[in-house]
């Protein structure tokens, strides 16, 4: 290992040691820790040992928290510039803000400009992996793919499919959605660190023929993902009941069309009964929990206790989504602060260790990427975020009273923001820094 391609980072290590299997989350804390990186991979992560970085440049970041890169399992890059749009619930919000905004993304140059802003915001907030909705336009997927590759990010991307109940300029057909999505899968899936997600927006904007086309496409490419929305808003649930009277529930619409499988990533999952939750877990599908947008749009309070399910074959996969632009922050850790508040309102618990898990290894597990990212383990990609509890006077004062680094992490979930993201590394390359780092 030469100094040319090896670096080391010294500080407090904070990660989760294992995928949950029904037990409460636990965190690993190494107060004086070291991560060594070579050729984009972690080669060592543990207690500080000077011999471990004898041939590596060492960044001395003591006093800061070194975490795996954060994982955002549900977000919309095309909605970046309409974040914090006032005053509507889901269905009216789509009509008033989302559809007009997304109509602009047939223009590749416009899509690229917004994609660059979106990705830069992810990185400034410590996010290194994200599942991202495009728009109905293939150009939107091409734009986010190019920008993601430039940054070396792990992105899962997809062209939205909508053939009804949306403006004409945003409408495709069952056939065109199939053909365009197939072209995009062949163009981008497994290119660098990209993955593809077949992306019917939600059941109301897809005909049964289009949902069947999505299933047929997935049969052809079984290692891609499928991402969509389910049971977000009560008015939406009632509408789905009218559109699909033969289905037992909103989730059953997708099950009937063979879209409930492993690698299905379902945004929201608020208004569901026990049968739906059992079906989700038994299918090994993923819940993308989006507390910020759920509150912003008045959609409802997610039942975290009900989502902590296991079956004989699987543990419920669950990750955190910022859901920009209904979500009001690009920060996964601030979004987890919202999850904590929702749990409090429901009389439930969401511990600091569980919050860390959902931001890192749990997010990776939800996207079937736990063997590549999500923890500070030798052999995984060196996607790393460094958080500075002392970045602002208030957070520094709070950090001084914290009992341990895990409590500092929790405090940042409540009062932190992008100022507290000191560095972001993607495959060992410094992608963002608030200041020069000390090298020894």
Protein backbone atom coordinates (compact mmCIF):
# COMPACT_ATOMS: atom_id res chain seq x y z
CA UNK A 1 0.00 0.00 0.00
CA UNK A 2 1.59 3.25 -1.10
CA UNK A 3 0.99 6.79 0.08
CA UNK A 4 -0.21 7.63 -3.41
CA UNK A 5 -3.45 5.66 -3.17
CA UNK A 6 -3.89 5.21 0.60
CA UNK A 7 -5.33 7.59 3.16
CA UNK A 8 -6.31 7.23 6.79
CA UNK A 9 -8.86 9.12 8.89
CA UNK A 10 -8.52 9.36 12.65
CA UNK A 11 -11.47 10.23 14.86
CA UNK A 12 -14.44 8.70 16.66
CA UNK A 13 -15.91 5.80 14.69
CA UNK A 14 -19.66 5.31 14.88
CA UNK A 15 -21.53 2.58 13.00
CA UNK A 16 -23.81 -0.42 13.43
CA UNK A 17 -22.25 -3.87 13.48
CA UNK A 18 -24.96 -6.06 12.00
CA UNK A 19 -28.23 -6.15 10.07
CA UNK A 20 -31.13 -6.33 12.49
CA UNK A 21 -32.80 -9.71 12.91
CA UNK A 22 -35.52 -8.82 15.38
CA UNK A 23 -33.23 -7.55 18.16
CA UNK A 24 -32.91 -3.84 19.06
CA UNK A 25 -30.31 -1.85 17.14
CA UNK A 26 -26.88 -1.47 18.66
CA UNK A 27 -24.03 0.84 17.77
CA UNK A 28 -20.27 0.41 17.75
CA UNK A 29 -18.33 3.34 19.15
CA UNK A 30 -14.54 3.57 18.87
CA UNK A 31 -13.51 6.75 20.68
CA UNK A 32 -10.03 6.92 19.16
CA UNK A 33 -10.54 5.14 15.89
CA UNK A 34 -8.93 4.86 12.49
CA UNK A 35 -10.23 4.13 9.02
CA UNK A 36 -7.68 3.23 6.35
CA UNK A 37 -8.66 3.48 2.69
CA UNK A 38 -6.95 2.22 -0.44
CA UNK A 39 -8.25 2.11 -4.01
CA UNK A 40 -11.68 3.28 -2.94
CA UNK A 41 -12.20 0.55 -0.34
CA UNK A 42 -11.90 0.38 3.43
CA UNK A 43 -8.92 -1.78 4.39
CA UNK A 44 -9.09 -1.25 8.16
CA UNK A 45 -11.57 0.26 10.61
CA UNK A 46 -10.96 -0.03 14.32
CA UNK A 47 -8.90 1.27 17.19
CA UNK A 48 -6.18 3.75 16.32
CA UNK A 49 -2.83 2.08 15.64
CA UNK A 50 -0.01 4.10 14.12
CA UNK A 51 1.28 0.99 12.36
CA UNK A 52 -1.95 0.79 10.37
CA UNK A 53 -1.22 4.04 8.52
CA UNK A 54 2.54 3.81 8.20
CA UNK A 55 2.23 4.19 4.42
CA UNK A 56 -0.88 6.36 4.27
CA UNK A 57 -1.62 10.05 4.61
CA UNK A 58 -3.51 10.44 7.87
CA UNK A 59 -6.22 13.06 8.45
CA UNK A 60 -6.44 13.91 12.13
CA UNK A 61 -10.14 14.49 12.80
CA UNK A 62 -10.24 13.79 16.51
CA UNK A 63 -13.27 15.38 18.11
CA UNK A 64 -15.39 14.52 15.07
CA UNK A 65 -17.67 11.56 14.33
CA UNK A 66 -16.74 9.25 11.44
CA UNK A 67 -19.77 7.42 10.03
CA UNK A 68 -20.57 5.37 6.95
CA UNK A 69 -22.01 7.52 4.18
CA UNK A 70 -25.73 8.16 4.70
CA UNK A 71 -28.41 6.40 2.63
CA UNK A 72 -31.55 8.12 1.30
CA UNK A 73 -33.99 5.50 0.00
CA UNK A 74 -36.64 7.81 -1.51
CA UNK A 75 -36.23 11.22 -3.13
CA UNK A 76 -37.19 13.17 -6.27
CA UNK A 77 -34.39 15.13 -7.92
CA UNK A 78 -36.76 17.02 -10.24
CA UNK A 79 -38.48 18.56 -7.22
CA UNK A 80 -35.32 20.21 -5.88
CA UNK A 81 -36.35 23.74 -6.86
CA UNK A 82 -39.91 23.38 -5.56
CA UNK A 83 -38.94 22.28 -2.05
CA UNK A 84 -41.08 23.92 0.67
CA UNK A 85 -44.01 24.74 -1.64
CA UNK A 86 -46.76 26.08 0.59
CA UNK A 87 -50.17 24.94 1.55
CA UNK A 88 -51.49 21.75 -0.02
CA UNK A 89 -51.99 18.09 0.76
CA UNK A 90 -50.75 15.35 -1.53
CA UNK A 91 -53.15 15.25 -4.47
CA UNK A 92 -53.59 19.02 -4.79
CA UNK A 93 -49.84 19.49 -4.21
CA UNK A 94 -49.10 17.23 -7.17
CA UNK A 95 -51.44 19.20 -9.43
CA UNK A 96 -50.38 22.66 -8.28
CA UNK A 97 -46.62 22.24 -7.93
CA UNK A 98 -45.19 18.87 -8.92
CA UNK A 99 -46.64 18.29 -12.37
CA UNK A 100 -45.85 21.80 -13.67
CA UNK A 101 -42.30 21.56 -12.31
CA UNK A 102 -41.67 18.11 -13.76
CA UNK A 103 -42.97 19.22 -17.17
CA UNK A 104 -39.69 21.12 -17.66
CA UNK A 105 -37.51 18.00 -17.62
CA UNK A 106 -37.83 17.02 -21.25
CA UNK A 107 -34.97 19.53 -21.67
CA UNK A 108 -31.71 17.66 -20.97
CA UNK A 109 -29.80 20.86 -20.19
CA UNK A 110 -32.39 21.93 -17.62
CA UNK A 111 -32.45 18.43 -16.13
CA UNK A 112 -28.66 18.42 -15.90
CA UNK A 113 -28.55 21.78 -14.14
CA UNK A 114 -31.04 20.63 -11.52
CA UNK A 115 -29.32 17.23 -11.20
CA UNK A 116 -26.03 18.96 -10.40
CA UNK A 117 -27.68 21.06 -7.70
CA UNK A 118 -29.47 18.02 -6.30
CA UNK A 119 -26.35 15.86 -6.12
CA UNK A 120 -24.29 18.66 -4.59
CA UNK A 121 -26.94 19.02 -1.88
CA UNK A 122 -26.87 15.29 -1.19
CA UNK A 123 -23.10 15.35 -0.77
CA UNK A 124 -23.10 18.51 1.37
CA UNK A 125 -25.50 16.71 3.68
CA UNK A 126 -23.42 13.54 3.89
CA UNK A 127 -25.54 11.36 1.61
CA UNK A 128 -23.54 9.03 -0.62
CA UNK A 129 -26.28 6.62 -1.75
CA UNK A 130 -29.81 7.48 -2.89
CA UNK A 131 -32.81 5.99 -4.65
CA UNK A 132 -33.96 8.75 -6.98
CA UNK A 133 -37.11 9.32 -9.00
CA UNK A 134 -36.69 11.03 -12.35
CA UNK A 135 -39.64 12.31 -14.36
CA UNK A 136 -41.54 10.72 -17.22
CA UNK A 137 -38.84 12.01 -19.59
CA UNK A 138 -35.89 9.71 -20.40
CA UNK A 139 -33.69 12.84 -20.53
CA UNK A 140 -34.18 13.26 -16.79
CA UNK A 141 -32.68 9.82 -16.13
CA UNK A 142 -29.80 10.48 -18.50
CA UNK A 143 -29.06 13.73 -16.67
CA UNK A 144 -28.99 12.30 -13.15
CA UNK A 145 -27.02 9.29 -14.37
CA UNK A 146 -24.26 11.45 -15.86
CA UNK A 147 -23.98 13.58 -12.75
CA UNK A 148 -24.00 10.56 -10.45
CA UNK A 149 -21.21 8.92 -12.41
CA UNK A 150 -19.14 12.11 -12.30
CA UNK A 151 -19.32 12.00 -8.49
CA UNK A 152 -18.86 8.24 -8.18
CA UNK A 153 -22.11 7.93 -6.23
CA UNK A 154 -24.26 4.89 -5.61
CA UNK A 155 -27.56 5.98 -7.19
CA UNK A 156 -30.64 3.98 -8.07
CA UNK A 157 -32.56 5.88 -10.72
CA UNK A 158 -35.73 5.47 -12.73
CA UNK A 159 -37.98 7.09 -15.32
CA UNK A 160 -41.47 7.73 -13.94
CA UNK A 161 -44.29 5.83 -15.68
CA UNK A 162 -47.70 7.59 -15.92
CA UNK A 163 -50.36 6.91 -18.53
CA UNK A 164 -53.47 8.43 -16.89
CA UNK A 165 -54.69 10.97 -14.33
CA UNK A 166 -51.89 13.41 -15.07
CA UNK A 167 -51.30 16.28 -17.52
CA UNK A 168 -51.03 15.25 -21.16
CA UNK A 169 -47.47 16.51 -21.46
CA UNK A 170 -46.43 14.13 -18.68
CA UNK A 171 -48.29 11.12 -20.01
CA UNK A 172 -46.69 8.09 -21.61
CA UNK A 173 -48.39 4.81 -22.53
CA UNK A 174 -48.01 1.26 -21.30
CA UNK A 175 -45.99 0.46 -24.42
CA UNK A 176 -43.82 3.60 -24.50
CA UNK A 177 -43.07 3.34 -20.79
CA UNK A 178 -41.96 -0.25 -21.28
CA UNK A 179 -39.78 0.55 -24.31
CA UNK A 180 -38.19 3.70 -22.85
CA UNK A 181 -37.54 2.06 -19.50
CA UNK A 182 -35.96 -0.96 -21.19
CA UNK A 183 -33.61 1.30 -23.13
CA UNK A 184 -32.64 3.09 -19.93
CA UNK A 185 -32.03 -0.18 -18.08
CA UNK A 186 -29.73 -1.36 -20.85
CA UNK A 187 -28.00 2.04 -20.89
CA UNK A 188 -27.46 2.59 -17.15
CA UNK A 189 -28.08 -0.43 -14.92
CA UNK A 190 -24.77 -1.62 -13.42
CA UNK A 191 -22.83 1.16 -15.14
CA UNK A 192 -20.26 2.30 -12.58
CA UNK A 193 -22.29 2.39 -9.33
CA UNK A 194 -25.69 3.02 -10.88
CA UNK A 195 -28.74 0.82 -10.50
CA UNK A 196 -32.08 1.13 -12.21
CA UNK A 197 -35.57 1.15 -10.69
CA UNK A 198 -38.72 0.58 -12.71
CA UNK A 199 -40.79 3.53 -11.50
CA UNK A 200 -44.57 3.69 -11.83
CA UNK A 201 -45.28 6.87 -9.91
CA UNK A 202 -48.22 5.47 -7.97
CA UNK A 203 -51.20 3.29 -8.77
CA UNK A 204 -53.61 6.16 -9.65
CA UNK A 205 -51.42 7.35 -12.53
CA UNK A 206 -50.86 3.91 -14.07
CA UNK A 207 -53.44 1.84 -15.89
CA UNK A 208 -53.63 -1.87 -15.24
CA UNK A 209 -51.97 -2.36 -18.62
CA UNK A 210 -49.05 -0.19 -17.56
CA UNK A 211 -48.65 -2.03 -14.24
CA UNK A 212 -48.62 -5.30 -16.20
CA UNK A 213 -45.99 -3.83 -18.54
CA UNK A 214 -43.85 -2.91 -15.52
CA UNK A 215 -44.10 -6.51 -14.27
CA UNK A 216 -43.18 -7.89 -17.69
CA UNK A 217 -40.14 -5.61 -17.83
CA UNK A 218 -39.10 -6.72 -14.36
CA UNK A 219 -39.35 -10.35 -15.44
CA UNK A 220 -36.84 -9.54 -18.18
CA UNK A 221 -34.48 -7.73 -15.81
CA UNK A 222 -35.02 -9.35 -12.39
CA UNK A 223 -32.02 -7.70 -10.70
CA UNK A 224 -33.35 -4.15 -11.13
CA UNK A 225 -35.51 -2.48 -8.48
CA UNK A 226 -39.07 -1.24 -8.56
CA UNK A 227 -39.92 1.96 -6.69
CA UNK A 228 -43.32 3.51 -6.20
CA UNK A 229 -45.64 5.02 -3.57
CA UNK A 230 -48.33 3.38 -1.46
CA UNK A 231 -50.81 4.39 1.24
CA UNK A 232 -49.39 7.86 1.79
CA UNK A 233 -52.56 9.92 2.18
CA UNK A 234 -56.12 9.01 3.14
CA UNK A 235 -57.67 10.77 0.13
CA UNK A 236 -55.21 8.92 -2.12
CA UNK A 237 -56.21 5.59 -0.52
CA UNK A 238 -59.89 6.33 -1.18
CA UNK A 239 -59.10 7.19 -4.80
CA UNK A 240 -57.23 3.93 -5.28
CA UNK A 241 -60.25 2.06 -3.90
CA UNK A 242 -62.40 3.70 -6.60
CA UNK A 243 -59.91 3.01 -9.39
CA UNK A 244 -59.18 -0.60 -8.42
CA UNK A 245 -62.40 -1.91 -6.78
CA UNK A 246 -61.29 -5.52 -7.17
CA UNK A 247 -58.21 -5.03 -4.95
CA UNK A 248 -58.44 -5.73 -1.22
CA UNK A 249 -56.18 -2.76 -0.43
CA UNK A 250 -53.83 -0.25 -2.02
CA UNK A 251 -50.89 -2.63 -1.53
CA UNK A 252 -52.93 -5.42 -3.07
CA UNK A 253 -53.05 -3.47 -6.34
CA UNK A 254 -49.31 -3.99 -6.70
CA UNK A 255 -49.49 -7.59 -5.47
CA UNK A 256 -52.16 -8.42 -8.06
CA UNK A 257 -49.86 -7.13 -10.80
CA UNK A 258 -46.86 -9.10 -9.51
CA UNK A 259 -45.03 -5.98 -8.37
CA UNK A 260 -44.59 -6.97 -4.74
CA UNK A 261 -41.23 -8.74 -4.68
CA UNK A 262 -37.79 -8.45 -3.16
CA UNK A 263 -36.27 -5.17 -4.39
CA UNK A 264 -39.66 -3.43 -4.34
CA UNK A 265 -39.15 -0.09 -2.55
CA UNK A 266 -42.44 1.39 -1.38
CA UNK A 267 -42.62 4.98 -0.26
CA UNK A 268 -44.65 5.89 2.86
CA UNK A 269 -46.73 2.80 3.88
CA UNK A 270 -48.72 4.80 6.45
CA UNK A 271 -52.35 3.72 6.04
CA UNK A 272 -52.01 -0.06 6.05
CA UNK A 273 -53.53 -2.90 8.04
CA UNK A 274 -51.85 -5.93 9.54
CA UNK A 275 -52.47 -8.09 6.46
CA UNK A 276 -50.69 -5.55 4.28
CA UNK A 277 -47.76 -5.34 6.66
CA UNK A 278 -47.44 -9.12 6.77
CA UNK A 279 -47.55 -9.22 2.96
CA UNK A 280 -44.81 -6.59 2.76
CA UNK A 281 -42.54 -8.50 5.11
CA UNK A 282 -43.23 -11.90 3.55
CA UNK A 283 -42.43 -10.50 0.10
CA UNK A 284 -39.11 -9.12 1.41
CA UNK A 285 -40.12 -5.71 0.07
CA UNK A 286 -38.76 -2.43 1.46
CA UNK A 287 -40.52 0.38 3.30
CA UNK A 288 -39.18 3.84 2.51
CA UNK A 289 -40.18 5.88 5.58
CA UNK A 290 -40.43 9.60 4.81
CA UNK A 291 -41.35 11.42 8.04
CA UNK A 292 -40.55 14.95 6.90
CA UNK A 293 -42.80 14.86 3.85
CA UNK A 294 -45.52 12.96 5.74
CA UNK A 295 -45.71 15.83 8.21
CA UNK A 296 -45.35 18.57 5.60
CA UNK A 297 -48.24 17.25 3.49
CA UNK A 298 -50.33 16.26 6.51
CA UNK A 299 -50.36 12.65 5.34
CA UNK A 300 -50.25 10.88 8.69
CA UNK A 301 -48.03 9.41 11.41
CA UNK A 302 -46.04 6.33 10.45
CA UNK A 303 -46.37 3.34 12.79
CA UNK A 304 -42.77 2.34 13.45
CA UNK A 305 -43.70 -0.38 15.90
CA UNK A 306 -45.93 -2.05 13.32
CA UNK A 307 -43.11 -1.90 10.78
CA UNK A 308 -40.70 -3.79 13.05
CA UNK A 309 -41.78 -7.12 11.63
CA UNK A 310 -40.11 -10.43 11.01
CA UNK A 311 -41.23 -13.50 9.10
CA UNK A 312 -39.70 -16.98 8.96
CA UNK A 313 -37.87 -15.95 5.80
CA UNK A 314 -37.05 -12.27 6.29
CA UNK A 315 -36.84 -9.18 8.46
CA UNK A 316 -38.76 -6.12 7.30
CA UNK A 317 -36.42 -3.94 5.26
CA UNK A 318 -36.86 -0.27 6.16
CA UNK A 319 -34.91 2.81 5.16
CA UNK A 320 -35.28 6.56 5.54
CA UNK A 321 -36.26 8.81 2.65
CA UNK A 322 -35.93 12.59 2.62
CA UNK A 323 -38.59 12.67 -0.13
CA UNK A 324 -37.47 16.05 -1.47
CA UNK A 325 -39.40 18.17 -2.46
CA UNK A 326 -42.31 17.39 -0.09
CA UNK A 327 -39.57 16.59 2.38
CA UNK A 328 -38.07 19.84 3.58
CA UNK A 329 -34.44 18.82 4.09
CA UNK A 330 -31.77 16.97 2.14
CA UNK A 331 -30.33 15.82 5.45
CA UNK A 332 -30.94 12.18 6.36
CA UNK A 333 -30.02 12.84 9.98
CA UNK A 334 -32.42 15.79 10.29
CA UNK A 335 -35.10 13.62 8.67
CA UNK A 336 -34.41 11.04 11.37
CA UNK A 337 -35.04 13.79 13.89
CA UNK A 338 -38.54 14.01 12.41
CA UNK A 339 -38.90 10.24 12.72
CA UNK A 340 -38.07 10.50 16.42
CA UNK A 341 -40.77 13.13 16.89
CA UNK A 342 -43.36 11.00 15.07
CA UNK A 343 -42.49 8.07 17.33
CA UNK A 344 -42.94 10.30 20.36
CA UNK A 345 -46.37 11.41 19.13
CA UNK A 346 -47.38 7.76 18.77
CA UNK A 347 -46.02 6.80 22.19
CA UNK A 348 -43.26 4.74 20.58
CA UNK A 349 -39.48 4.64 20.84
CA UNK A 350 -36.81 5.38 18.26
CA UNK A 351 -33.42 5.14 19.95
CA UNK A 352 -30.24 6.91 18.82
CA UNK A 353 -28.80 3.53 17.82
CA UNK A 354 -31.85 2.71 15.72
CA UNK A 355 -31.67 6.14 14.08
CA UNK A 356 -28.02 5.49 13.22
CA UNK A 357 -28.95 2.08 11.84
CA UNK A 358 -31.66 3.42 9.53
CA UNK A 359 -29.31 6.11 8.21
CA UNK A 360 -26.51 3.67 7.41
CA UNK A 361 -26.60 -0.13 7.48
CA UNK A 362 -30.39 -0.33 7.62
CA UNK A 363 -30.62 1.93 4.59
CA UNK A 364 -28.07 -0.23 2.79
CA UNK A 365 -30.00 -3.38 3.74
CA UNK A 366 -33.22 -1.84 2.47
CA UNK A 367 -31.59 -1.49 -0.97
CA UNK A 368 -29.85 -4.91 -0.85
CA UNK A 369 -26.48 -3.19 -0.66
CA UNK A 370 -25.38 -4.19 2.84
CA UNK A 371 -22.44 -6.17 1.43
CA UNK A 372 -21.07 -3.03 -0.25
CA UNK A 373 -21.91 -0.06 1.99
CA UNK A 374 -23.49 0.90 5.30
CA UNK A 375 -20.79 0.12 7.86
CA UNK A 376 -17.11 0.74 8.45
CA UNK A 377 -15.87 -2.70 7.51
CA UNK A 378 -12.83 -3.77 5.50
CA UNK A 379 -13.77 -4.57 1.93
CA UNK A 380 -16.71 -2.17 1.69
CA UNK A 381 -16.72 1.01 -0.37
CA UNK A 382 -15.09 3.92 1.44
CA UNK A 383 -18.25 6.06 1.45
CA UNK A 384 -17.78 8.05 4.64
CA UNK A 385 -19.24 11.13 6.28
CA UNK A 386 -17.52 13.11 9.02
CA UNK A 387 -19.80 15.04 11.37
CA UNK A 388 -18.53 17.87 13.55
CA UNK A 389 -20.53 18.25 16.78
CA UNK A 390 -18.69 21.54 17.41
CA UNK A 391 -19.50 23.23 14.10
CA UNK A 392 -21.79 25.82 15.70
CA UNK A 393 -21.76 27.44 19.15
CA UNK A 394 -25.05 25.80 20.12
CA UNK A 395 -24.11 22.29 19.00
CA UNK A 396 -20.71 22.63 20.64
CA UNK A 397 -22.30 23.59 23.94
CA UNK A 398 -24.68 20.64 23.64
CA UNK A 399 -21.87 18.25 22.70
CA UNK A 400 -19.94 19.19 25.81
CA UNK A 401 -22.83 17.89 27.92
CA UNK A 402 -23.34 14.66 26.00
CA UNK A 403 -22.45 11.45 27.81
CA UNK A 404 -21.02 9.74 24.72
CA UNK A 405 -20.69 10.01 20.91
CA UNK A 406 -24.04 8.31 20.36
CA UNK A 407 -25.74 11.10 22.29
CA UNK A 408 -23.84 13.63 20.18
CA UNK A 409 -25.22 11.89 17.08
CA UNK A 410 -28.75 12.14 18.47
CA UNK A 411 -28.31 15.84 19.21
CA UNK A 412 -27.20 16.45 15.62
CA UNK A 413 -30.34 14.70 14.40
CA UNK A 414 -32.28 17.37 16.30
CA UNK A 415 -30.25 20.55 15.81
CA UNK A 416 -27.70 19.72 13.12
CA UNK A 417 -27.62 20.67 9.45
CA UNK A 418 -25.18 20.77 6.53
CA UNK A 419 -22.79 22.96 8.55
CA UNK A 420 -22.10 19.92 10.70
CA UNK A 421 -21.03 17.78 7.72
CA UNK A 422 -17.32 18.39 7.92
CA UNK A 423 -16.28 16.01 5.12
CA UNK A 424 -17.92 13.61 2.71
CA UNK A 425 -15.84 10.89 1.05
CA UNK A 426 -17.08 8.85 -1.91
CA UNK A 427 -15.00 5.77 -2.64
CA UNK A 428 -12.23 7.35 -0.61
CA UNK A 429 -12.21 10.59 -2.56
CA UNK A 430 -12.92 13.81 -0.74
CA UNK A 431 -16.14 15.11 -2.33
CA UNK A 432 -16.98 17.83 0.19
CA UNK A 433 -15.18 19.62 3.01
CA UNK A 434 -16.08 22.65 5.06
CA UNK A 435 -12.42 23.42 5.76
CA UNK A 436 -8.91 22.08 5.21
CA UNK A 437 -8.20 18.86 7.08
CA UNK A 438 -5.02 18.26 9.05
CA UNK A 439 -2.73 15.70 7.40
CA UNK A 440 0.06 13.91 9.23
